[in-house]
Amino acid sequence: MAGQAARGPIGSETNRTTLDSGTLARVATPSPQPTGHSSSQADFDAAILALQAELTNFGFIGAVDGAARARYDLLARQFRDELRARVASGHISWGAAAREAYGLRDEVMQLIRRRSTPVGAAVAQWLKPESPSLNMLVAKKTLELFGNGADFNRLAQGQRNKVFAAIVESAGKANPRITKLMGTVSRSGRGLLFLSVGISVYNIATAQDKVDAAGREGAVTGASIAGGMAGGALAGLACGPGAPVCVTLGAFIGGGAAAMGVDYFWSR
């Protein structure tokens, strides 16, 4: 009869798994579980890991680029105030101050871009591909101060000094719209990092092996940041400068892939 136990002396049974010789897979059938149990749990864990990786990745990007913008604004104001003081003390003329302001602001801008993330540098390049020449700034300020048709070459020295002073002043002013936006980005980035840290703390607190969990969380966090930076940089090389959408997509893919890769090898 089907399902009837084989006869024999008591205690003759063994724990060895009986394999049907007619089956292709020479392994034991897994014990019954609710339908979709293991795959659903794995999908959930993968989704949480991807979320945490991107929170860390873009939180880091926002915090770094927001801080870089704040540093740019501060340095620009410091250079402007220093040039004003040197003109007031008679050490340089307004014309020399304007030339220094133009060169210094461009140098500071390039320095800050190099210290930004690939995403931040791509956005900055897209917003301002290149600085206008000093002659273009002189012509622009001349028209702003003295109206349409004004010619810098026909201005008196006092009027020319006003043009040069306006260039020095503008060198210490950042675009208020961009500054406000980057301030929001910086605060949002710190918030995302805080949320990511919260998830890591929860994962460590609920893990059986807390030391292993702490190491895993640290490795995944570092991988998501490094992968995002590398992915953004590679996307920038592929798409060229000033392609923020492409670079952001590269950072998104790079951060997620690196975090999942580290998690996979850590779990083995």
C-alpha atoms as a PDB file:
ATOM      1  CA  MET A   1       0.000   0.000   0.000  1.00  0.00           C
ATOM      2  CA  ALA A   2       1.244   3.473  -0.857  1.00  0.00           C
ATOM      3  CA  GLY A   3       2.865   5.254   2.058  1.00  0.00           C
ATOM      4  CA  GLN A   4       3.092   2.074   4.165  1.00  0.00           C
ATOM      5  CA  ALA A   5       6.343   1.732   6.122  1.00  0.00           C
ATOM      6  CA  ALA A   6       8.621  -1.172   5.287  1.00  0.00           C
ATOM      7  CA  ARG A   7       8.554  -4.089   7.728  1.00  0.00           C
ATOM      8  CA  GLY A   8      11.567  -4.985   9.778  1.00  0.00           C
ATOM      9  CA  PRO A   9      13.013  -5.057  13.263  1.00  0.00           C
ATOM     10  CA  ILE A  10      12.476  -1.970  15.389  1.00  0.00           C
ATOM     11  CA  GLY A  11      15.451   0.394  15.156  1.00  0.00           C
ATOM     12  CA  SER A  12      16.545  -0.798  11.744  1.00  0.00           C
ATOM     13  CA  GLU A  13      15.493   2.475  10.141  1.00  0.00           C
ATOM     14  CA  THR A  14      18.242   4.950   9.213  1.00  0.00           C
ATOM     15  CA  ASN A  15      18.429   8.702   8.592  1.00  0.00           C
ATOM     16  CA  ARG A  16      19.891   8.158   5.154  1.00  0.00           C
ATOM     17  CA  THR A  17      17.911   9.758   2.351  1.00  0.00           C
ATOM     18  CA  THR A  18      16.404   7.291  -0.086  1.00  0.00           C
ATOM     19  CA  LEU A  19      16.910   8.343  -3.691  1.00  0.00           C
ATOM     20  CA  ASP A  20      14.705   7.017  -6.462  1.00  0.00           C
ATOM     21  CA  SER A  21      16.971   5.508  -9.112  1.00  0.00           C
ATOM     22  CA  GLY A  22      14.666   6.784 -11.801  1.00  0.00           C
ATOM     23  CA  THR A  23      15.101  10.452 -10.980  1.00  0.00           C
ATOM     24  CA  LEU A  24      17.521  12.717 -12.827  1.00  0.00           C
ATOM     25  CA  ALA A  25      18.469  14.907  -9.891  1.00  0.00           C
ATOM     26  CA  ARG A  26      20.386  12.751  -7.412  1.00  0.00           C
ATOM     27  CA  VAL A  27      19.544  14.993  -4.459  1.00  0.00           C
ATOM     28  CA  ALA A  28      16.935  14.942  -1.741  1.00  0.00           C
ATOM     29  CA  THR A  29      13.730  16.907  -2.201  1.00  0.00           C
ATOM     30  CA  PRO A  30      13.760  20.013   0.039  1.00  0.00           C
ATOM     31  CA  SER A  31      11.368  20.128   2.946  1.00  0.00           C
ATOM     32  CA  PRO A  32       7.971  21.728   2.253  1.00  0.00           C
ATOM     33  CA  GLN A  33       7.728  25.534   2.693  1.00  0.00           C
ATOM     34  CA  PRO A  34       5.145  28.182   1.855  1.00  0.00           C
ATOM     35  CA  THR A  35       5.047  28.870  -1.864  1.00  0.00           C
ATOM     36  CA  GLY A  36       7.586  31.534  -2.886  1.00  0.00           C
ATOM     37  CA  HIS A  37       9.034  31.801   0.624  1.00  0.00           C
ATOM     38  CA  SER A  38      12.767  31.721  -0.179  1.00  0.00           C
ATOM     39  CA  SER A  39      12.613  33.726  -3.382  1.00  0.00           C
ATOM     40  CA  SER A  40      10.430  36.409  -1.800  1.00  0.00           C
ATOM     41  CA  GLN A  41      12.842  36.833   1.098  1.00  0.00           C
ATOM     42  CA  ALA A  42      15.805  36.995  -1.271  1.00  0.00           C
ATOM     43  CA  ASP A  43      14.046  39.588  -3.443  1.00  0.00           C
ATOM     44  CA  PHE A  44      13.225  41.670  -0.370  1.00  0.00           C
ATOM     45  CA  ASP A  45      16.811  41.536   0.908  1.00  0.00           C
ATOM     46  CA  ALA A  46      18.131  42.510  -2.535  1.00  0.00           C
ATOM     47  CA  ALA A  47      15.718  45.439  -2.732  1.00  0.00           C
ATOM     48  CA  ILE A  48      16.746  46.709   0.713  1.00  0.00           C
ATOM     49  CA  LEU A  49      20.423  46.343  -0.185  1.00  0.00           C
ATOM     50  CA  ALA A  50      19.943  48.304  -3.428  1.00  0.00           C
ATOM     51  CA  LEU A  51      18.018  51.020  -1.579  1.00  0.00           C
ATOM     52  CA  GLN A  52      20.689  51.318   1.091  1.00  0.00           C
ATOM     53  CA  ALA A  53      23.459  51.428  -1.513  1.00  0.00           C
ATOM     54  CA  GLU A  54      21.823  54.258  -3.452  1.00  0.00           C
ATOM     55  CA  LEU A  55      20.972  56.186  -0.290  1.00  0.00           C
ATOM     56  CA  THR A  56      24.638  56.055   0.675  1.00  0.00           C
ATOM     57  CA  ASN A  57      25.838  56.802  -2.859  1.00  0.00           C
ATOM     58  CA  PHE A  58      23.687  59.849  -3.522  1.00  0.00           C
ATOM     59  CA  GLY A  59      23.867  61.019   0.067  1.00  0.00           C
ATOM     60  CA  PHE A  60      27.650  61.132  -0.266  1.00  0.00           C
ATOM     61  CA  ILE A  61      27.415  62.915  -3.630  1.00  0.00           C
ATOM     62  CA  GLY A  62      25.027  65.532  -2.277  1.00  0.00           C
ATOM     63  CA  ALA A  63      27.050  66.173   0.866  1.00  0.00           C
ATOM     64  CA  VAL A  64      30.385  66.447  -0.965  1.00  0.00           C
ATOM     65  CA  ASP A  65      29.147  68.642  -3.815  1.00  0.00           C
ATOM     66  CA  GLY A  66      27.175  70.897  -1.481  1.00  0.00           C
ATOM     67  CA  ALA A  67      30.264  71.415   0.655  1.00  0.00           C
ATOM     68  CA  ALA A  68      32.355  72.092  -2.463  1.00  0.00           C
ATOM     69  CA  ARG A  69      29.951  74.810  -3.589  1.00  0.00           C
ATOM     70  CA  ALA A  70      30.026  76.427  -0.148  1.00  0.00           C
ATOM     71  CA  ARG A  71      33.829  76.372  -0.254  1.00  0.00           C
ATOM     72  CA  TYR A  72      33.801  78.021  -3.686  1.00  0.00           C
ATOM     73  CA  ASP A  73      31.543  80.835  -2.458  1.00  0.00           C
ATOM     74  CA  LEU A  74      33.765  81.416   0.571  1.00  0.00           C
ATOM     75  CA  LEU A  75      37.028  81.528  -1.401  1.00  0.00           C
ATOM     76  CA  ALA A  76      35.528  83.854  -4.021  1.00  0.00           C
ATOM     77  CA  ARG A  77      34.447  86.337  -1.343  1.00  0.00           C
ATOM     78  CA  GLN A  78      37.834  86.158   0.373  1.00  0.00           C
ATOM     79  CA  PHE A  79      39.692  86.905  -2.884  1.00  0.00           C
ATOM     80  CA  ARG A  80      37.360  89.812  -3.647  1.00  0.00           C
ATOM     81  CA  ASP A  81      37.837  91.366  -0.195  1.00  0.00           C
ATOM     82  CA  GLU A  82      41.601  90.923  -0.428  1.00  0.00           C
ATOM     83  CA  LEU A  83      41.739  92.674  -3.812  1.00  0.00           C
ATOM     84  CA  ARG A  84      39.614  95.542  -2.522  1.00  0.00           C
ATOM     85  CA  ALA A  85      42.003  96.027   0.376  1.00  0.00           C
ATOM     86  CA  ARG A  86      45.044  96.021  -1.897  1.00  0.00           C
ATOM     87  CA  VAL A  87      43.474  98.654  -4.162  1.00  0.00           C
ATOM     88  CA  ALA A  88      42.490 100.802  -1.178  1.00  0.00           C
ATOM     89  CA  SER A  89      46.048 100.641   0.172  1.00  0.00           C
ATOM     90  CA  GLY A  90      47.457 101.714  -3.215  1.00  0.00           C
ATOM     91  CA  HIS A  91      49.343  98.486  -3.874  1.00  0.00           C
ATOM     92  CA  ILE A  92      47.555  97.756  -7.167  1.00  0.00           C
ATOM     93  CA  SER A  93      45.226  99.567  -9.570  1.00  0.00           C
ATOM     94  CA  TRP A  94      41.620  98.643 -10.280  1.00  0.00           C
ATOM     95  CA  GLY A  95      42.687  97.359 -13.691  1.00  0.00           C
ATOM     96  CA  ALA A  96      45.255  95.012 -12.150  1.00  0.00           C
ATOM     97  CA  ALA A  97      42.710  93.921  -9.542  1.00  0.00           C
ATOM     98  CA  ALA A  98      40.196  93.070 -12.271  1.00  0.00           C
ATOM     99  CA  ARG A  99      42.765  90.943 -14.113  1.00  0.00           C
ATOM    100  CA  GLU A 100      43.691  89.108 -10.898  1.00  0.00           C
ATOM    101  CA  ALA A 101      40.049  88.595  -9.977  1.00  0.00           C
ATOM    102  CA  TYR A 102      39.310  87.092 -13.370  1.00  0.00           C
ATOM    103  CA  GLY A 103      42.240  84.690 -13.204  1.00  0.00           C
ATOM    104  CA  LEU A 104      41.747  83.713  -9.568  1.00  0.00           C
ATOM    105  CA  ARG A 105      38.036  83.011  -9.919  1.00  0.00           C
ATOM    106  CA  ASP A 106      38.650  80.713 -12.863  1.00  0.00           C
ATOM    107  CA  GLU A 107      41.395  78.896 -10.954  1.00  0.00           C
ATOM    108  CA  VAL A 108      39.159  78.473  -7.906  1.00  0.00           C
ATOM    109  CA  MET A 109      36.328  77.185 -10.070  1.00  0.00           C
ATOM    110  CA  GLN A 110      38.554  74.542 -11.664  1.00  0.00           C
ATOM    111  CA  LEU A 111      39.977  73.558  -8.260  1.00  0.00           C
ATOM    112  CA  ILE A 112      36.529  73.060  -6.755  1.00  0.00           C
ATOM    113  CA  ARG A 113      35.395  71.024  -9.749  1.00  0.00           C
ATOM    114  CA  ARG A 114      38.351  68.698  -9.281  1.00  0.00           C
ATOM    115  CA  ARG A 115      37.338  68.230  -5.644  1.00  0.00           C
ATOM    116  CA  SER A 116      33.701  67.553  -6.533  1.00  0.00           C
ATOM    117  CA  THR A 117      32.207  64.177  -7.348  1.00  0.00           C
ATOM    118  CA  PRO A 118      31.880  63.219 -11.044  1.00  0.00           C
ATOM    119  CA  VAL A 119      28.179  64.114 -10.865  1.00  0.00           C
ATOM    120  CA  GLY A 120      28.875  67.532  -9.353  1.00  0.00           C
ATOM    121  CA  ALA A 121      31.627  68.277 -11.861  1.00  0.00           C
ATOM    122  CA  ALA A 122      29.379  67.263 -14.762  1.00  0.00           C
ATOM    123  CA  VAL A 123      26.556  69.514 -13.541  1.00  0.00           C
ATOM    124  CA  ALA A 124      28.970  72.443 -13.094  1.00  0.00           C
ATOM    125  CA  GLN A 125      30.398  71.887 -16.566  1.00  0.00           C
ATOM    126  CA  TRP A 126      26.907  71.746 -18.040  1.00  0.00           C
ATOM    127  CA  LEU A 127      25.819  74.962 -16.299  1.00  0.00           C
ATOM    128  CA  LYS A 128      29.006  76.845 -17.200  1.00  0.00           C
ATOM    129  CA  PRO A 129      31.054  75.143 -19.951  1.00  0.00           C
ATOM    130  CA  GLU A 130      33.639  77.934 -19.999  1.00  0.00           C
ATOM    131  CA  SER A 131      34.222  81.345 -18.499  1.00  0.00           C
ATOM    132  CA  PRO A 132      33.772  84.442 -20.676  1.00  0.00           C
ATOM    133  CA  SER A 133      36.962  86.249 -21.609  1.00  0.00           C
ATOM    134  CA  LEU A 134      38.083  89.312 -19.671  1.00  0.00           C
ATOM    135  CA  ASN A 135      37.345  91.524 -22.688  1.00  0.00           C
ATOM    136  CA  MET A 136      33.807  90.166 -22.792  1.00  0.00           C
ATOM    137  CA  LEU A 137      33.356  90.980 -19.112  1.00  0.00           C
ATOM    138  CA  VAL A 138      34.693  94.511 -19.652  1.00  0.00           C
ATOM    139  CA  ALA A 139      32.238  95.066 -22.512  1.00  0.00           C
ATOM    140  CA  LYS A 140      29.348  93.635 -20.489  1.00  0.00           C
ATOM    141  CA  LYS A 141      30.035  95.756 -17.406  1.00  0.00           C
ATOM    142  CA  THR A 142      30.512  98.867 -19.558  1.00  0.00           C
ATOM    143  CA  LEU A 143      27.032  98.448 -21.036  1.00  0.00           C
ATOM    144  CA  GLU A 144      25.514  97.685 -17.629  1.00  0.00           C
ATOM    145  CA  LEU A 145      27.024 100.813 -16.055  1.00  0.00           C
ATOM    146  CA  PHE A 146      26.837 103.343 -18.875  1.00  0.00           C
ATOM    147  CA  GLY A 147      24.048 102.091 -21.117  1.00  0.00           C
ATOM    148  CA  ASN A 148      23.752 100.816 -24.675  1.00  0.00           C
ATOM    149  CA  GLY A 149      26.305 102.207 -27.103  1.00  0.00           C
ATOM    150  CA  ALA A 150      28.929 102.839 -24.416  1.00  0.00           C
ATOM    151  CA  ASP A 151      32.501 102.128 -25.508  1.00  0.00           C
ATOM    152  CA  PHE A 152      35.081 101.271 -22.864  1.00  0.00           C
ATOM    153  CA  ASN A 153      37.893 102.792 -24.937  1.00  0.00           C
ATOM    154  CA  ARG A 154      36.133 106.158 -24.846  1.00  0.00           C
ATOM    155  CA  LEU A 155      35.546 106.206 -21.117  1.00  0.00           C
ATOM    156  CA  ALA A 156      37.468 108.432 -18.715  1.00  0.00           C
ATOM    157  CA  GLN A 157      39.855 106.764 -16.279  1.00  0.00           C
ATOM    158  CA  GLY A 158      37.433 107.161 -13.395  1.00  0.00           C
ATOM    159  CA  GLN A 159      34.702 105.453 -15.427  1.00  0.00           C
ATOM    160  CA  ARG A 160      37.060 102.671 -16.409  1.00  0.00           C
ATOM    161  CA  ASN A 161      37.885 102.117 -12.753  1.00  0.00           C
ATOM    162  CA  LYS A 162      34.167 101.680 -12.079  1.00  0.00           C
ATOM    163  CA  VAL A 163      34.075  98.982 -14.755  1.00  0.00           C
ATOM    164  CA  PHE A 164      37.095  97.222 -13.248  1.00  0.00           C
ATOM    165  CA  ALA A 165      35.607  97.530  -9.734  1.00  0.00           C
ATOM    166  CA  ALA A 166      32.389  95.922 -10.986  1.00  0.00           C
ATOM    167  CA  ILE A 167      34.399  92.984 -12.341  1.00  0.00           C
ATOM    168  CA  VAL A 168      36.139  92.542  -8.981  1.00  0.00           C
ATOM    169  CA  GLU A 169      32.774  92.706  -7.233  1.00  0.00           C
ATOM    170  CA  SER A 170      31.217  90.101  -9.517  1.00  0.00           C
ATOM    171  CA  ALA A 171      34.169  87.789  -8.909  1.00  0.00           C
ATOM    172  CA  GLY A 172      33.068  87.517  -5.274  1.00  0.00           C
ATOM    173  CA  LYS A 173      29.436  86.848  -6.102  1.00  0.00           C
ATOM    174  CA  ALA A 174      28.104  83.385  -6.805  1.00  0.00           C
ATOM    175  CA  ASN A 175      24.897  82.635  -8.649  1.00  0.00           C
ATOM    176  CA  PRO A 176      22.342  82.847  -5.807  1.00  0.00           C
ATOM    177  CA  ARG A 177      20.013  80.354  -7.492  1.00  0.00           C
ATOM    178  CA  ILE A 178      22.760  77.734  -7.771  1.00  0.00           C
ATOM    179  CA  THR A 179      23.999  78.429  -4.244  1.00  0.00           C
ATOM    180  CA  LYS A 180      20.500  77.948  -2.831  1.00  0.00           C
ATOM    181  CA  LEU A 181      20.035  74.761  -4.837  1.00  0.00           C
ATOM    182  CA  MET A 182      23.354  73.304  -3.692  1.00  0.00           C
ATOM    183  CA  GLY A 183      22.519  74.163  -0.096  1.00  0.00           C
ATOM    184  CA  THR A 184      19.348  72.089  -0.459  1.00  0.00           C
ATOM    185  CA  VAL A 185      21.336  69.292  -2.116  1.00  0.00           C
ATOM    186  CA  SER A 186      23.856  69.314   0.731  1.00  0.00           C
ATOM    187  CA  ARG A 187      21.156  69.072   3.399  1.00  0.00           C
ATOM    188  CA  SER A 188      19.369  66.331   1.471  1.00  0.00           C
ATOM    189  CA  GLY A 189      22.637  64.437   1.068  1.00  0.00           C
ATOM    190  CA  ARG A 190      23.287  64.497   4.789  1.00  0.00           C
ATOM    191  CA  GLY A 191      19.733  63.306   5.384  1.00  0.00           C
ATOM    192  CA  LEU A 192      20.182  60.375   2.999  1.00  0.00           C
ATOM    193  CA  LEU A 193      23.445  59.414   4.696  1.00  0.00           C
ATOM    194  CA  PHE A 194      21.718  59.526   8.078  1.00  0.00           C
ATOM    195  CA  LEU A 195      18.954  57.257   6.774  1.00  0.00           C
ATOM    196  CA  SER A 196      21.498  54.830   5.342  1.00  0.00           C
ATOM    197  CA  VAL A 197      23.341  54.717   8.664  1.00  0.00           C
ATOM    198  CA  GLY A 198      20.017  54.017  10.370  1.00  0.00           C
ATOM    199  CA  ILE A 199      19.437  50.998   8.137  1.00  0.00           C
ATOM    200  CA  SER A 200      22.951  49.728   8.867  1.00  0.00           C
ATOM    201  CA  VAL A 201      22.431  50.104  12.618  1.00  0.00           C
ATOM    202  CA  TYR A 202      19.163  48.184  12.398  1.00  0.00           C
ATOM    203  CA  ASN A 203      20.775  45.399  10.358  1.00  0.00           C
ATOM    204  CA  ILE A 204      23.605  45.063  12.882  1.00  0.00           C
ATOM    205  CA  ALA A 205      21.285  45.177  15.885  1.00  0.00           C
ATOM    206  CA  THR A 206      19.022  42.416  14.526  1.00  0.00           C
ATOM    207  CA  ALA A 207      21.824  40.155  13.265  1.00  0.00           C
ATOM    208  CA  GLN A 208      22.882  37.042  15.169  1.00  0.00           C
ATOM    209  CA  ASP A 209      26.550  37.636  14.389  1.00  0.00           C
ATOM    210  CA  LYS A 210      26.913  41.350  15.037  1.00  0.00           C
ATOM    211  CA  VAL A 211      30.642  41.477  14.305  1.00  0.00           C
ATOM    212  CA  ASP A 212      30.143  39.913  10.885  1.00  0.00           C
ATOM    213  CA  ALA A 213      27.139  42.166  10.221  1.00  0.00           C
ATOM    214  CA  ALA A 214      29.150  45.276  11.132  1.00  0.00           C
ATOM    215  CA  GLY A 215      31.925  44.251   8.757  1.00  0.00           C
ATOM    216  CA  ARG A 216      29.432  43.560   5.993  1.00  0.00           C
ATOM    217  CA  GLU A 217      27.670  46.910   6.453  1.00  0.00           C
ATOM    218  CA  GLY A 218      30.979  48.759   6.381  1.00  0.00           C
ATOM    219  CA  ALA A 219      32.113  46.925   3.266  1.00  0.00           C
ATOM    220  CA  VAL A 220      28.828  47.512   1.441  1.00  0.00           C
ATOM    221  CA  THR A 221      28.798  51.206   2.373  1.00  0.00           C
ATOM    222  CA  GLY A 222      32.353  51.722   1.171  1.00  0.00           C
ATOM    223  CA  ALA A 223      31.675  49.795  -2.020  1.00  0.00           C
ATOM    224  CA  SER A 224      28.575  51.837  -2.846  1.00  0.00           C
ATOM    225  CA  ILE A 225      30.512  55.107  -2.499  1.00  0.00           C
ATOM    226  CA  ALA A 226      33.569  53.884  -4.422  1.00  0.00           C
ATOM    227  CA  GLY A 227      31.410  52.248  -7.085  1.00  0.00           C
ATOM    228  CA  GLY A 228      29.352  55.396  -7.525  1.00  0.00           C
ATOM    229  CA  MET A 229      32.470  57.530  -7.957  1.00  0.00           C
ATOM    230  CA  ALA A 230      34.005  55.061 -10.409  1.00  0.00           C
ATOM    231  CA  GLY A 231      30.768  54.605 -12.346  1.00  0.00           C
ATOM    232  CA  GLY A 232      30.266  58.351 -12.641  1.00  0.00           C
ATOM    233  CA  ALA A 233      33.856  58.883 -13.771  1.00  0.00           C
ATOM    234  CA  LEU A 234      33.612  56.155 -16.425  1.00  0.00           C
ATOM    235  CA  ALA A 235      30.303  57.552 -17.658  1.00  0.00           C
ATOM    236  CA  GLY A 236      31.911  60.992 -17.881  1.00  0.00           C
ATOM    237  CA  LEU A 237      34.669  59.576 -20.060  1.00  0.00           C
ATOM    238  CA  ALA A 238      32.133  57.826 -22.277  1.00  0.00           C
ATOM    239  CA  CYS A 239      29.642  60.694 -22.578  1.00  0.00           C
ATOM    240  CA  GLY A 240      32.073  63.593 -22.429  1.00  0.00           C
ATOM    241  CA  PRO A 241      32.104  66.614 -20.092  1.00  0.00           C
ATOM    242  CA  GLY A 242      28.888  68.412 -19.243  1.00  0.00           C
ATOM    243  CA  ALA A 243      26.627  65.314 -19.390  1.00  0.00           C
ATOM    244  CA  PRO A 244      25.030  65.219 -15.920  1.00  0.00           C
ATOM    245  CA  VAL A 245      22.273  62.743 -16.813  1.00  0.00           C
ATOM    246  CA  CYS A 246      24.734  60.210 -18.201  1.00  0.00           C
ATOM    247  CA  VAL A 247      27.150  60.650 -15.297  1.00  0.00           C
ATOM    248  CA  THR A 248      24.360  60.356 -12.713  1.00  0.00           C
ATOM    249  CA  LEU A 249      23.147  57.148 -14.357  1.00  0.00           C
ATOM    250  CA  GLY A 250      26.696  55.797 -14.300  1.00  0.00           C
ATOM    251  CA  ALA A 251      27.022  56.641 -10.601  1.00  0.00           C
ATOM    252  CA  PHE A 252      23.677  54.974  -9.885  1.00  0.00           C
ATOM    253  CA  ILE A 253      24.625  51.758 -11.677  1.00  0.00           C
ATOM    254  CA  GLY A 254      28.192  51.714 -10.356  1.00  0.00           C
ATOM    255  CA  GLY A 255      27.170  52.204  -6.732  1.00  0.00           C
ATOM    256  CA  GLY A 256      24.469  49.538  -6.814  1.00  0.00           C
ATOM    257  CA  ALA A 257      26.579  46.986  -8.676  1.00  0.00           C
ATOM    258  CA  ALA A 258      29.561  47.428  -6.373  1.00  0.00           C
ATOM    259  CA  ALA A 259      27.447  47.091  -3.229  1.00  0.00           C
ATOM    260  CA  MET A 260      25.713  43.954  -4.484  1.00  0.00           C
ATOM    261  CA  GLY A 261      29.001  42.444  -5.594  1.00  0.00           C
ATOM    262  CA  VAL A 262      30.605  42.971  -2.184  1.00  0.00           C
ATOM    263  CA  ASP A 263      27.520  41.617  -0.438  1.00  0.00           C
ATOM    264  CA  TYR A 264      27.557  38.509  -2.634  1.00  0.00           C
ATOM    265  CA  PHE A 265      31.199  37.680  -1.944  1.00  0.00           C
ATOM    266  CA  TRP A 266      30.825  38.534   1.749  1.00  0.00           C
ATOM    267  CA  SER A 267      27.930  36.079   2.093  1.00  0.00           C
ATOM    268  CA  ARG A 268      29.806  33.184   0.518  1.00  0.00           C
END
